[in-house]
């Protein structure tokens, strides 16, 4: 690439194409925290997840995403003497078990654009019925945004883009809000990302600002008893940005003894996703393959995503209806 106009066009394409403005995942059902901060600590486990995604393998400049996330819940701990009704002294837990915390470190490369950042999340959990929990969450995000200069060749060594802020890299702050409803049979979540619509100025002067548009997620699933310790779980994910370009995932997963799962998902942007995973004690392994239905399939070997997780916490204490909190 030699002409600044072409570079700017590709840069705008990388930033503004819906679904690729932020990383796209295929195994979000197994780590919903990646797209919703309210999930932090919602199930009572302390978990650490590693996700690696190679999109459109074989296609130059295709998205590549790596993330490490951890989240958990501050459980009830200790007893304090507090003043109750009519100034009577009562014993109450030192912590009420309603707060969840989480964090993510990520690297996302999409064409010329490289984002490397960190996210810190806070969540608060309320019981609205005996077996239904409502969680609200907020995360503070910050990432370093830059052009991958190794992939650009310039005829003019004094080209202004060589000395732009984006070429050197800039720090971009942002916020994400989420809400999450959890029941032993179903879950439903909503989140809004890039609330501040942080902008990046290309070049020190003369270039317009490019904003990161807000993006919204709505997801859910329901567990049907399949008999013989099996579960049939239909699920959906709906994504839309303020550019009004929606994308949806519709899938179904077969789960056996909570130790093995396999499923298929149709993505309306043009892909069929197959996923499989298993659990060994506290370790979880998942793999997904995305088969692209567009013409792009002729020049790519598909999309691969690998997830490895470890979870701590006695499973018999997982939910409130099992007297965890």
C-alpha atoms as a PDB file:
ATOM      1  CA  UNK A   1       0.000   0.000   0.000  1.00  0.00           C
ATOM      2  CA  UNK A   2       1.558   3.293  -1.074  1.00  0.00           C
ATOM      3  CA  UNK A   3      -1.105   5.955  -1.295  1.00  0.00           C
ATOM      4  CA  UNK A   4      -2.343   7.623   1.932  1.00  0.00           C
ATOM      5  CA  UNK A   5      -5.874   7.790   0.499  1.00  0.00           C
ATOM      6  CA  UNK A   6      -5.919   4.021   0.105  1.00  0.00           C
ATOM      7  CA  UNK A   7      -4.532   3.570   3.597  1.00  0.00           C
ATOM      8  CA  UNK A   8      -7.218   5.823   5.049  1.00  0.00           C
ATOM      9  CA  UNK A   9      -9.902   3.909   3.155  1.00  0.00           C
ATOM     10  CA  UNK A  10      -8.684   0.581   4.531  1.00  0.00           C
ATOM     11  CA  UNK A  11      -8.365   2.081   7.978  1.00  0.00           C
ATOM     12  CA  UNK A  12     -11.965   3.289   7.909  1.00  0.00           C
ATOM     13  CA  UNK A  13     -12.995  -0.144   6.669  1.00  0.00           C
ATOM     14  CA  UNK A  14     -11.217  -1.818   9.571  1.00  0.00           C
ATOM     15  CA  UNK A  15     -12.735   0.514  12.149  1.00  0.00           C
ATOM     16  CA  UNK A  16     -16.298   0.791  10.847  1.00  0.00           C
ATOM     17  CA  UNK A  17     -17.276  -2.636   9.479  1.00  0.00           C
ATOM     18  CA  UNK A  18     -19.867  -3.933  11.925  1.00  0.00           C
ATOM     19  CA  UNK A  19     -18.940  -7.008  13.859  1.00  0.00           C
ATOM     20  CA  UNK A  20     -15.252  -6.426  13.324  1.00  0.00           C
ATOM     21  CA  UNK A  21     -15.061  -3.111  15.138  1.00  0.00           C
ATOM     22  CA  UNK A  22     -14.917  -5.310  18.234  1.00  0.00           C
ATOM     23  CA  UNK A  23     -13.723  -8.926  18.410  1.00  0.00           C
ATOM     24  CA  UNK A  24     -16.271 -11.547  17.363  1.00  0.00           C
ATOM     25  CA  UNK A  25     -16.346 -14.794  19.369  1.00  0.00           C
ATOM     26  CA  UNK A  26     -17.949 -18.153  18.623  1.00  0.00           C
ATOM     27  CA  UNK A  27     -17.760 -19.656  22.146  1.00  0.00           C
ATOM     28  CA  UNK A  28     -19.263 -16.759  24.076  1.00  0.00           C
ATOM     29  CA  UNK A  29     -21.780 -19.130  25.695  1.00  0.00           C
ATOM     30  CA  UNK A  30     -18.939 -20.657  27.721  1.00  0.00           C
ATOM     31  CA  UNK A  31     -17.483 -17.297  28.781  1.00  0.00           C
ATOM     32  CA  UNK A  32     -20.246 -14.688  28.606  1.00  0.00           C
ATOM     33  CA  UNK A  33     -18.051 -12.357  30.632  1.00  0.00           C
ATOM     34  CA  UNK A  34     -16.232 -11.498  27.383  1.00  0.00           C
ATOM     35  CA  UNK A  35     -19.306  -9.603  26.158  1.00  0.00           C
ATOM     36  CA  UNK A  36     -21.084  -8.677  29.400  1.00  0.00           C
ATOM     37  CA  UNK A  37     -19.456  -7.359  32.625  1.00  0.00           C
ATOM     38  CA  UNK A  38     -22.542  -8.252  34.715  1.00  0.00           C
ATOM     39  CA  UNK A  39     -21.605 -11.943  34.359  1.00  0.00           C
ATOM     40  CA  UNK A  40     -18.597 -11.470  36.665  1.00  0.00           C
ATOM     41  CA  UNK A  41     -19.175 -13.752  39.657  1.00  0.00           C
ATOM     42  CA  UNK A  42     -22.788 -14.505  38.708  1.00  0.00           C
ATOM     43  CA  UNK A  43     -22.407 -18.291  38.986  1.00  0.00           C
ATOM     44  CA  UNK A  44     -20.302 -18.179  42.151  1.00  0.00           C
ATOM     45  CA  UNK A  45     -17.223 -19.730  40.569  1.00  0.00           C
ATOM     46  CA  UNK A  46     -13.813 -18.134  40.314  1.00  0.00           C
ATOM     47  CA  UNK A  47     -12.678 -18.784  36.759  1.00  0.00           C
ATOM     48  CA  UNK A  48      -9.753 -17.963  34.480  1.00  0.00           C
ATOM     49  CA  UNK A  49     -10.244 -18.218  30.708  1.00  0.00           C
ATOM     50  CA  UNK A  50      -7.833 -18.160  27.802  1.00  0.00           C
ATOM     51  CA  UNK A  51      -9.289 -17.596  24.312  1.00  0.00           C
ATOM     52  CA  UNK A  52      -7.384 -17.609  21.016  1.00  0.00           C
ATOM     53  CA  UNK A  53      -9.189 -16.907  17.734  1.00  0.00           C
ATOM     54  CA  UNK A  54      -7.792 -17.006  14.187  1.00  0.00           C
ATOM     55  CA  UNK A  55     -10.386 -15.698  11.740  1.00  0.00           C
ATOM     56  CA  UNK A  56     -10.313 -16.523   8.022  1.00  0.00           C
ATOM     57  CA  UNK A  57      -7.052 -18.480   8.197  1.00  0.00           C
ATOM     58  CA  UNK A  58      -5.036 -18.011   5.015  1.00  0.00           C
ATOM     59  CA  UNK A  59      -6.476 -14.559   4.259  1.00  0.00           C
ATOM     60  CA  UNK A  60      -3.962 -11.720   4.622  1.00  0.00           C
ATOM     61  CA  UNK A  61      -4.904  -9.142   7.252  1.00  0.00           C
ATOM     62  CA  UNK A  62      -7.682 -11.279   8.753  1.00  0.00           C
ATOM     63  CA  UNK A  63      -8.699 -10.610  12.382  1.00  0.00           C
ATOM     64  CA  UNK A  64      -6.711 -12.335  15.124  1.00  0.00           C
ATOM     65  CA  UNK A  65      -7.751 -12.142  18.784  1.00  0.00           C
ATOM     66  CA  UNK A  66      -6.207 -13.316  22.059  1.00  0.00           C
ATOM     67  CA  UNK A  67      -7.638 -12.713  25.522  1.00  0.00           C
ATOM     68  CA  UNK A  68      -7.059 -13.785  29.119  1.00  0.00           C
ATOM     69  CA  UNK A  69      -9.903 -13.096  31.537  1.00  0.00           C
ATOM     70  CA  UNK A  70     -10.600 -13.814  35.178  1.00  0.00           C
ATOM     71  CA  UNK A  71     -13.718 -13.251  37.256  1.00  0.00           C
ATOM     72  CA  UNK A  72     -15.225 -14.290  40.549  1.00  0.00           C
ATOM     73  CA  UNK A  73     -17.461 -13.350  43.449  1.00  0.00           C
ATOM     74  CA  UNK A  74     -16.790 -11.976  46.917  1.00  0.00           C
ATOM     75  CA  UNK A  75     -18.688 -14.458  49.084  1.00  0.00           C
ATOM     76  CA  UNK A  76     -20.219 -13.976  52.500  1.00  0.00           C
ATOM     77  CA  UNK A  77     -17.444 -13.817  55.039  1.00  0.00           C
ATOM     78  CA  UNK A  78     -17.331 -13.294  58.776  1.00  0.00           C
ATOM     79  CA  UNK A  79     -19.905 -11.741  61.096  1.00  0.00           C
ATOM     80  CA  UNK A  80     -20.078  -8.157  62.338  1.00  0.00           C
ATOM     81  CA  UNK A  81     -22.149  -6.683  65.147  1.00  0.00           C
ATOM     82  CA  UNK A  82     -24.519  -4.056  63.719  1.00  0.00           C
ATOM     83  CA  UNK A  83     -27.402  -2.024  65.061  1.00  0.00           C
ATOM     84  CA  UNK A  84     -30.768  -3.408  63.993  1.00  0.00           C
ATOM     85  CA  UNK A  85     -34.402  -2.568  64.650  1.00  0.00           C
ATOM     86  CA  UNK A  86     -34.939  -0.624  67.910  1.00  0.00           C
ATOM     87  CA  UNK A  87     -31.149  -0.363  68.293  1.00  0.00           C
ATOM     88  CA  UNK A  88     -30.814  -4.056  68.970  1.00  0.00           C
ATOM     89  CA  UNK A  89     -27.421  -5.572  68.198  1.00  0.00           C
ATOM     90  CA  UNK A  90     -27.537  -8.148  65.422  1.00  0.00           C
ATOM     91  CA  UNK A  91     -24.951 -10.310  63.682  1.00  0.00           C
ATOM     92  CA  UNK A  92     -24.600  -9.739  59.946  1.00  0.00           C
ATOM     93  CA  UNK A  93     -22.111 -11.056  57.400  1.00  0.00           C
ATOM     94  CA  UNK A  94     -19.024  -8.887  56.894  1.00  0.00           C
ATOM     95  CA  UNK A  95     -19.663  -9.118  53.162  1.00  0.00           C
ATOM     96  CA  UNK A  96     -23.076  -9.916  51.747  1.00  0.00           C
ATOM     97  CA  UNK A  97     -21.905 -12.010  48.790  1.00  0.00           C
ATOM     98  CA  UNK A  98     -23.390  -9.717  46.170  1.00  0.00           C
ATOM     99  CA  UNK A  99     -20.258  -8.248  44.571  1.00  0.00           C
ATOM    100  CA  UNK A 100     -18.408  -9.707  41.597  1.00  0.00           C
ATOM    101  CA  UNK A 101     -15.076  -8.587  40.147  1.00  0.00           C
ATOM    102  CA  UNK A 102     -13.353  -9.371  36.880  1.00  0.00           C
ATOM    103  CA  UNK A 103     -10.614  -8.356  34.502  1.00  0.00           C
ATOM    104  CA  UNK A 104      -9.456  -9.004  30.939  1.00  0.00           C
ATOM    105  CA  UNK A 105      -6.224  -8.507  29.021  1.00  0.00           C
ATOM    106  CA  UNK A 106      -6.649  -8.664  25.263  1.00  0.00           C
ATOM    107  CA  UNK A 107      -4.934  -8.202  21.919  1.00  0.00           C
ATOM    108  CA  UNK A 108      -6.957  -7.783  18.727  1.00  0.00           C
ATOM    109  CA  UNK A 109      -5.495  -7.330  15.253  1.00  0.00           C
ATOM    110  CA  UNK A 110      -7.796  -6.457  12.357  1.00  0.00           C
ATOM    111  CA  UNK A 111      -6.116  -5.524   9.099  1.00  0.00           C
ATOM    112  CA  UNK A 112      -3.948  -2.471   9.723  1.00  0.00           C
ATOM    113  CA  UNK A 113      -5.390  -1.885  13.187  1.00  0.00           C
ATOM    114  CA  UNK A 114      -3.880  -3.303  16.392  1.00  0.00           C
ATOM    115  CA  UNK A 115      -5.617  -2.952  19.757  1.00  0.00           C
ATOM    116  CA  UNK A 116      -3.983  -4.084  23.006  1.00  0.00           C
ATOM    117  CA  UNK A 117      -5.730  -3.324  26.249  1.00  0.00           C
ATOM    118  CA  UNK A 118      -7.137  -4.139  29.641  1.00  0.00           C
ATOM    119  CA  UNK A 119     -10.627  -4.169  31.146  1.00  0.00           C
ATOM    120  CA  UNK A 120     -11.668  -4.027  34.822  1.00  0.00           C
ATOM    121  CA  UNK A 121     -15.255  -4.971  35.758  1.00  0.00           C
ATOM    122  CA  UNK A 122     -17.546  -4.600  38.766  1.00  0.00           C
ATOM    123  CA  UNK A 123     -20.880  -6.393  39.143  1.00  0.00           C
ATOM    124  CA  UNK A 124     -23.652  -6.451  41.727  1.00  0.00           C
ATOM    125  CA  UNK A 125     -26.074  -9.377  42.130  1.00  0.00           C
ATOM    126  CA  UNK A 126     -29.651  -9.264  43.426  1.00  0.00           C
ATOM    127  CA  UNK A 127     -32.230 -12.008  43.967  1.00  0.00           C
ATOM    128  CA  UNK A 128     -35.555 -10.987  42.457  1.00  0.00           C
ATOM    129  CA  UNK A 129     -37.134 -14.406  43.115  1.00  0.00           C
ATOM    130  CA  UNK A 130     -36.065 -17.436  45.117  1.00  0.00           C
ATOM    131  CA  UNK A 131     -34.328 -18.968  42.104  1.00  0.00           C
ATOM    132  CA  UNK A 132     -33.713 -16.003  39.785  1.00  0.00           C
ATOM    133  CA  UNK A 133     -30.777 -13.623  40.042  1.00  0.00           C
ATOM    134  CA  UNK A 134     -30.426 -10.190  38.421  1.00  0.00           C
ATOM    135  CA  UNK A 135     -26.891  -8.875  37.924  1.00  0.00           C
ATOM    136  CA  UNK A 136     -25.760  -5.406  36.858  1.00  0.00           C
ATOM    137  CA  UNK A 137     -22.216  -4.664  35.785  1.00  0.00           C
ATOM    138  CA  UNK A 138     -19.923  -1.901  34.573  1.00  0.00           C
ATOM    139  CA  UNK A 139     -16.429  -2.158  33.145  1.00  0.00           C
ATOM    140  CA  UNK A 140     -13.744   0.421  32.530  1.00  0.00           C
ATOM    141  CA  UNK A 141     -11.776  -0.326  29.380  1.00  0.00           C
ATOM    142  CA  UNK A 142      -8.525   1.100  28.088  1.00  0.00           C
ATOM    143  CA  UNK A 143      -6.531   0.079  25.056  1.00  0.00           C
ATOM    144  CA  UNK A 144      -3.589   1.144  22.928  1.00  0.00           C
ATOM    145  CA  UNK A 145      -4.673   1.681  19.314  1.00  0.00           C
ATOM    146  CA  UNK A 146      -2.171   1.887  16.474  1.00  0.00           C
ATOM    147  CA  UNK A 147      -1.451   1.142  12.821  1.00  0.00           C
ATOM    148  CA  UNK A 148       0.706  -1.907  12.070  1.00  0.00           C
ATOM    149  CA  UNK A 149       3.381   0.030  10.205  1.00  0.00           C
ATOM    150  CA  UNK A 150       5.180  -3.177   9.154  1.00  0.00           C
ATOM    151  CA  UNK A 151       2.338  -3.822   6.706  1.00  0.00           C
ATOM    152  CA  UNK A 152       2.616  -0.427   5.011  1.00  0.00           C
ATOM    153  CA  UNK A 153       5.127   0.686   2.366  1.00  0.00           C
ATOM    154  CA  UNK A 154       5.480   4.392   1.571  1.00  0.00           C
ATOM    155  CA  UNK A 155       6.948   6.000  -1.551  1.00  0.00           C
ATOM    156  CA  UNK A 156       7.454   9.252   0.334  1.00  0.00           C
ATOM    157  CA  UNK A 157       9.434   8.832   3.602  1.00  0.00           C
ATOM    158  CA  UNK A 158       8.066  12.224   4.712  1.00  0.00           C
ATOM    159  CA  UNK A 159       4.414  11.227   4.301  1.00  0.00           C
ATOM    160  CA  UNK A 160       2.357  12.816   7.129  1.00  0.00           C
ATOM    161  CA  UNK A 161       0.783   9.476   8.031  1.00  0.00           C
ATOM    162  CA  UNK A 162       4.221   8.210   9.076  1.00  0.00           C
ATOM    163  CA  UNK A 163       4.229  10.783  11.848  1.00  0.00           C
ATOM    164  CA  UNK A 164       0.575  10.587  12.847  1.00  0.00           C
ATOM    165  CA  UNK A 165      -0.636   9.915  16.379  1.00  0.00           C
ATOM    166  CA  UNK A 166      -2.262   6.691  15.255  1.00  0.00           C
ATOM    167  CA  UNK A 167       0.976   5.392  13.741  1.00  0.00           C
ATOM    168  CA  UNK A 168       2.761   5.989  17.063  1.00  0.00           C
ATOM    169  CA  UNK A 169      -0.232   4.696  18.975  1.00  0.00           C
ATOM    170  CA  UNK A 170      -2.803   6.381  21.205  1.00  0.00           C
ATOM    171  CA  UNK A 171      -4.563   5.380  24.433  1.00  0.00           C
ATOM    172  CA  UNK A 172      -8.358   5.088  24.200  1.00  0.00           C
ATOM    173  CA  UNK A 173     -10.599   4.837  27.333  1.00  0.00           C
ATOM    174  CA  UNK A 174     -14.175   3.560  27.250  1.00  0.00           C
ATOM    175  CA  UNK A 175     -17.022   2.006  29.269  1.00  0.00           C
ATOM    176  CA  UNK A 176     -19.270  -1.069  28.992  1.00  0.00           C
ATOM    177  CA  UNK A 177     -22.575  -1.659  30.809  1.00  0.00           C
ATOM    178  CA  UNK A 178     -24.328  -5.000  31.228  1.00  0.00           C
ATOM    179  CA  UNK A 179     -27.389  -6.652  32.789  1.00  0.00           C
ATOM    180  CA  UNK A 180     -27.755 -10.410  33.262  1.00  0.00           C
ATOM    181  CA  UNK A 181     -30.697 -12.553  34.398  1.00  0.00           C
ATOM    182  CA  UNK A 182     -29.801 -16.040  35.631  1.00  0.00           C
ATOM    183  CA  UNK A 183     -32.072 -18.939  36.546  1.00  0.00           C
ATOM    184  CA  UNK A 184     -31.208 -22.621  36.871  1.00  0.00           C
ATOM    185  CA  UNK A 185     -33.176 -23.181  33.626  1.00  0.00           C
ATOM    186  CA  UNK A 186     -32.393 -20.097  31.564  1.00  0.00           C
ATOM    187  CA  UNK A 187     -30.277 -16.971  31.234  1.00  0.00           C
ATOM    188  CA  UNK A 188     -30.779 -13.660  29.446  1.00  0.00           C
ATOM    189  CA  UNK A 189     -28.247 -10.879  29.043  1.00  0.00           C
ATOM    190  CA  UNK A 190     -27.937  -7.394  27.554  1.00  0.00           C
ATOM    191  CA  UNK A 191     -24.846  -5.219  27.237  1.00  0.00           C
ATOM    192  CA  UNK A 192     -23.794  -1.956  25.593  1.00  0.00           C
ATOM    193  CA  UNK A 193     -20.138  -1.554  24.613  1.00  0.00           C
ATOM    194  CA  UNK A 194     -18.073   1.507  23.682  1.00  0.00           C
ATOM    195  CA  UNK A 195     -20.445   3.828  25.538  1.00  0.00           C
ATOM    196  CA  UNK A 196     -18.085   6.802  25.278  1.00  0.00           C
ATOM    197  CA  UNK A 197     -17.675   6.321  21.513  1.00  0.00           C
ATOM    198  CA  UNK A 198     -13.992   7.116  21.863  1.00  0.00           C
ATOM    199  CA  UNK A 199     -12.498   8.684  18.752  1.00  0.00           C
ATOM    200  CA  UNK A 200      -9.066   8.423  17.160  1.00  0.00           C
ATOM    201  CA  UNK A 201      -7.525  11.289  15.191  1.00  0.00           C
ATOM    202  CA  UNK A 202      -5.524  10.128  12.177  1.00  0.00           C
ATOM    203  CA  UNK A 203      -2.593  12.508  11.797  1.00  0.00           C
ATOM    204  CA  UNK A 204      -1.840  15.588  13.858  1.00  0.00           C
ATOM    205  CA  UNK A 205      -3.813  17.917  11.564  1.00  0.00           C
ATOM    206  CA  UNK A 206      -6.131  17.741   8.596  1.00  0.00           C
ATOM    207  CA  UNK A 207      -7.818  14.399   9.269  1.00  0.00           C
ATOM    208  CA  UNK A 208     -11.290  13.838  10.672  1.00  0.00           C
ATOM    209  CA  UNK A 209     -12.029  11.931  13.868  1.00  0.00           C
ATOM    210  CA  UNK A 210     -13.137   8.315  13.603  1.00  0.00           C
ATOM    211  CA  UNK A 211     -15.473   7.218  16.380  1.00  0.00           C
ATOM    212  CA  UNK A 212     -15.891   3.731  17.760  1.00  0.00           C
ATOM    213  CA  UNK A 213     -19.647   3.269  17.456  1.00  0.00           C
ATOM    214  CA  UNK A 214     -21.674   1.853  20.331  1.00  0.00           C
ATOM    215  CA  UNK A 215     -22.424  -1.830  20.002  1.00  0.00           C
ATOM    216  CA  UNK A 216     -25.224  -3.764  21.707  1.00  0.00           C
ATOM    217  CA  UNK A 217     -25.575  -7.453  22.577  1.00  0.00           C
ATOM    218  CA  UNK A 218     -28.671  -9.437  23.543  1.00  0.00           C
ATOM    219  CA  UNK A 219     -28.217 -13.145  24.277  1.00  0.00           C
ATOM    220  CA  UNK A 220     -29.972 -16.000  26.006  1.00  0.00           C
ATOM    221  CA  UNK A 221     -30.377 -19.751  26.312  1.00  0.00           C
ATOM    222  CA  UNK A 222     -32.772 -22.286  27.843  1.00  0.00           C
ATOM    223  CA  UNK A 223     -32.036 -25.774  29.169  1.00  0.00           C
ATOM    224  CA  UNK A 224     -34.439 -28.582  28.221  1.00  0.00           C
ATOM    225  CA  UNK A 225     -34.126 -31.896  30.035  1.00  0.00           C
ATOM    226  CA  UNK A 226     -33.059 -34.483  27.449  1.00  0.00           C
ATOM    227  CA  UNK A 227     -33.170 -37.416  29.857  1.00  0.00           C
ATOM    228  CA  UNK A 228     -30.291 -39.629  31.039  1.00  0.00           C
ATOM    229  CA  UNK A 229     -28.340 -36.646  32.446  1.00  0.00           C
ATOM    230  CA  UNK A 230     -28.424 -34.770  29.136  1.00  0.00           C
ATOM    231  CA  UNK A 231     -29.500 -31.230  28.282  1.00  0.00           C
ATOM    232  CA  UNK A 232     -30.640 -29.736  24.989  1.00  0.00           C
ATOM    233  CA  UNK A 233     -29.818 -26.019  25.019  1.00  0.00           C
ATOM    234  CA  UNK A 234     -31.109 -23.690  22.266  1.00  0.00           C
ATOM    235  CA  UNK A 235     -29.461 -20.270  22.312  1.00  0.00           C
ATOM    236  CA  UNK A 236     -29.340 -16.952  20.499  1.00  0.00           C
ATOM    237  CA  UNK A 237     -27.146 -13.885  20.272  1.00  0.00           C
ATOM    238  CA  UNK A 238     -28.276 -10.642  18.630  1.00  0.00           C
ATOM    239  CA  UNK A 239     -25.726  -7.908  17.890  1.00  0.00           C
ATOM    240  CA  UNK A 240     -26.312  -4.447  16.490  1.00  0.00           C
ATOM    241  CA  UNK A 241     -24.361  -1.206  16.279  1.00  0.00           C
ATOM    242  CA  UNK A 242     -25.532   2.370  15.843  1.00  0.00           C
ATOM    243  CA  UNK A 243     -24.820   1.869  12.169  1.00  0.00           C
ATOM    244  CA  UNK A 244     -27.943  -0.365  12.176  1.00  0.00           C
ATOM    245  CA  UNK A 245     -26.245  -3.435  10.771  1.00  0.00           C
ATOM    246  CA  UNK A 246     -27.601  -6.350  12.837  1.00  0.00           C
ATOM    247  CA  UNK A 247     -26.138  -9.820  13.093  1.00  0.00           C
ATOM    248  CA  UNK A 248     -27.622 -12.831  14.880  1.00  0.00           C
ATOM    249  CA  UNK A 249     -26.488 -16.287  16.004  1.00  0.00           C
ATOM    250  CA  UNK A 250     -29.050 -19.081  16.340  1.00  0.00           C
ATOM    251  CA  UNK A 251     -27.772 -22.344  17.777  1.00  0.00           C
ATOM    252  CA  UNK A 252     -28.403 -25.508  19.732  1.00  0.00           C
ATOM    253  CA  UNK A 253     -26.031 -27.424  22.009  1.00  0.00           C
ATOM    254  CA  UNK A 254     -26.145 -30.980  23.337  1.00  0.00           C
ATOM    255  CA  UNK A 255     -24.716 -31.329  26.867  1.00  0.00           C
ATOM    256  CA  UNK A 256     -24.001 -34.666  28.556  1.00  0.00           C
ATOM    257  CA  UNK A 257     -23.395 -34.881  32.322  1.00  0.00           C
ATOM    258  CA  UNK A 258     -21.997 -31.321  32.194  1.00  0.00           C
ATOM    259  CA  UNK A 259     -18.759 -32.994  31.060  1.00  0.00           C
ATOM    260  CA  UNK A 260     -19.162 -32.967  27.275  1.00  0.00           C
ATOM    261  CA  UNK A 261     -20.922 -30.664  24.831  1.00  0.00           C
ATOM    262  CA  UNK A 262     -21.297 -30.262  21.092  1.00  0.00           C
ATOM    263  CA  UNK A 263     -23.357 -27.824  19.067  1.00  0.00           C
ATOM    264  CA  UNK A 264     -24.096 -26.033  15.819  1.00  0.00           C
ATOM    265  CA  UNK A 265     -24.824 -22.341  15.217  1.00  0.00           C
ATOM    266  CA  UNK A 266     -25.981 -20.369  12.195  1.00  0.00           C
ATOM    267  CA  UNK A 267     -24.632 -16.813  11.939  1.00  0.00           C
ATOM    268  CA  UNK A 268     -26.734 -14.528   9.746  1.00  0.00           C
ATOM    269  CA  UNK A 269     -23.657 -12.708   8.429  1.00  0.00           C
ATOM    270  CA  UNK A 270     -22.901 -15.926   6.539  1.00  0.00           C
ATOM    271  CA  UNK A 271     -21.333 -18.715   8.579  1.00  0.00           C
ATOM    272  CA  UNK A 272     -22.004 -22.137  10.087  1.00  0.00           C
ATOM    273  CA  UNK A 273     -20.251 -22.716  13.419  1.00  0.00           C
ATOM    274  CA  UNK A 274     -19.487 -26.134  14.912  1.00  0.00           C
ATOM    275  CA  UNK A 275     -18.262 -26.333  18.501  1.00  0.00           C
ATOM    276  CA  UNK A 276     -17.205 -29.116  20.837  1.00  0.00           C
ATOM    277  CA  UNK A 277     -15.794 -29.220  24.352  1.00  0.00           C
ATOM    278  CA  UNK A 278     -15.238 -31.289  27.474  1.00  0.00           C
ATOM    279  CA  UNK A 279     -14.434 -30.946  31.148  1.00  0.00           C
ATOM    280  CA  UNK A 280     -11.754 -32.762  33.143  1.00  0.00           C
ATOM    281  CA  UNK A 281     -12.099 -31.983  36.848  1.00  0.00           C
ATOM    282  CA  UNK A 282     -11.627 -28.198  37.079  1.00  0.00           C
ATOM    283  CA  UNK A 283     -10.289 -27.809  33.537  1.00  0.00           C
ATOM    284  CA  UNK A 284     -12.488 -26.951  30.544  1.00  0.00           C
ATOM    285  CA  UNK A 285     -11.507 -27.203  26.878  1.00  0.00           C
ATOM    286  CA  UNK A 286     -13.487 -25.901  23.915  1.00  0.00           C
ATOM    287  CA  UNK A 287     -12.936 -25.653  20.167  1.00  0.00           C
ATOM    288  CA  UNK A 288     -15.034 -24.115  17.410  1.00  0.00           C
ATOM    289  CA  UNK A 289     -14.758 -23.986  13.631  1.00  0.00           C
ATOM    290  CA  UNK A 290     -16.531 -21.356  11.532  1.00  0.00           C
ATOM    291  CA  UNK A 291     -17.297 -22.295   7.935  1.00  0.00           C
ATOM    292  CA  UNK A 292     -17.811 -19.141   5.888  1.00  0.00           C
ATOM    293  CA  UNK A 293     -20.718 -19.218   3.428  1.00  0.00           C
ATOM    294  CA  UNK A 294     -19.548 -16.223   1.397  1.00  0.00           C
ATOM    295  CA  UNK A 295     -17.117 -16.069  -1.536  1.00  0.00           C
ATOM    296  CA  UNK A 296     -14.367 -15.547   1.036  1.00  0.00           C
ATOM    297  CA  UNK A 297     -14.402 -19.310   1.668  1.00  0.00           C
ATOM    298  CA  UNK A 298     -12.463 -19.786  -1.591  1.00  0.00           C
ATOM    299  CA  UNK A 299      -9.369 -18.118  -0.138  1.00  0.00           C
ATOM    300  CA  UNK A 300      -9.535 -19.161   3.510  1.00  0.00           C
ATOM    301  CA  UNK A 301      -9.324 -22.306   5.614  1.00  0.00           C
ATOM    302  CA  UNK A 302     -12.088 -21.164   7.933  1.00  0.00           C
ATOM    303  CA  UNK A 303     -12.010 -19.658  11.407  1.00  0.00           C
ATOM    304  CA  UNK A 304     -10.613 -21.482  14.435  1.00  0.00           C
ATOM    305  CA  UNK A 305     -11.194 -20.640  18.085  1.00  0.00           C
ATOM    306  CA  UNK A 306      -9.719 -22.394  21.123  1.00  0.00           C
ATOM    307  CA  UNK A 307     -10.777 -21.875  24.735  1.00  0.00           C
ATOM    308  CA  UNK A 308      -9.095 -23.218  27.871  1.00  0.00           C
ATOM    309  CA  UNK A 309     -10.535 -22.453  31.307  1.00  0.00           C
ATOM    310  CA  UNK A 310     -10.057 -23.402  34.928  1.00  0.00           C
ATOM    311  CA  UNK A 311     -12.815 -22.971  37.523  1.00  0.00           C
ATOM    312  CA  UNK A 312     -12.513 -23.018  41.286  1.00  0.00           C
ATOM    313  CA  UNK A 313     -15.382 -23.537  43.724  1.00  0.00           C
ATOM    314  CA  UNK A 314     -17.355 -26.544  44.907  1.00  0.00           C
ATOM    315  CA  UNK A 315     -20.083 -27.268  42.348  1.00  0.00           C
ATOM    316  CA  UNK A 316     -22.530 -28.092  45.126  1.00  0.00           C
ATOM    317  CA  UNK A 317     -22.283 -24.433  46.233  1.00  0.00           C
ATOM    318  CA  UNK A 318     -22.764 -22.971  42.746  1.00  0.00           C
ATOM    319  CA  UNK A 319     -26.173 -21.326  43.011  1.00  0.00           C
ATOM    320  CA  UNK A 320     -28.245 -19.758  45.743  1.00  0.00           C
ATOM    321  CA  UNK A 321     -30.910 -22.440  45.355  1.00  0.00           C
ATOM    322  CA  UNK A 322     -28.131 -24.801  46.463  1.00  0.00           C
ATOM    323  CA  UNK A 323     -27.466 -22.483  49.440  1.00  0.00           C
ATOM    324  CA  UNK A 324     -24.201 -20.998  48.183  1.00  0.00           C
ATOM    325  CA  UNK A 325     -24.615 -17.429  49.375  1.00  0.00           C
END
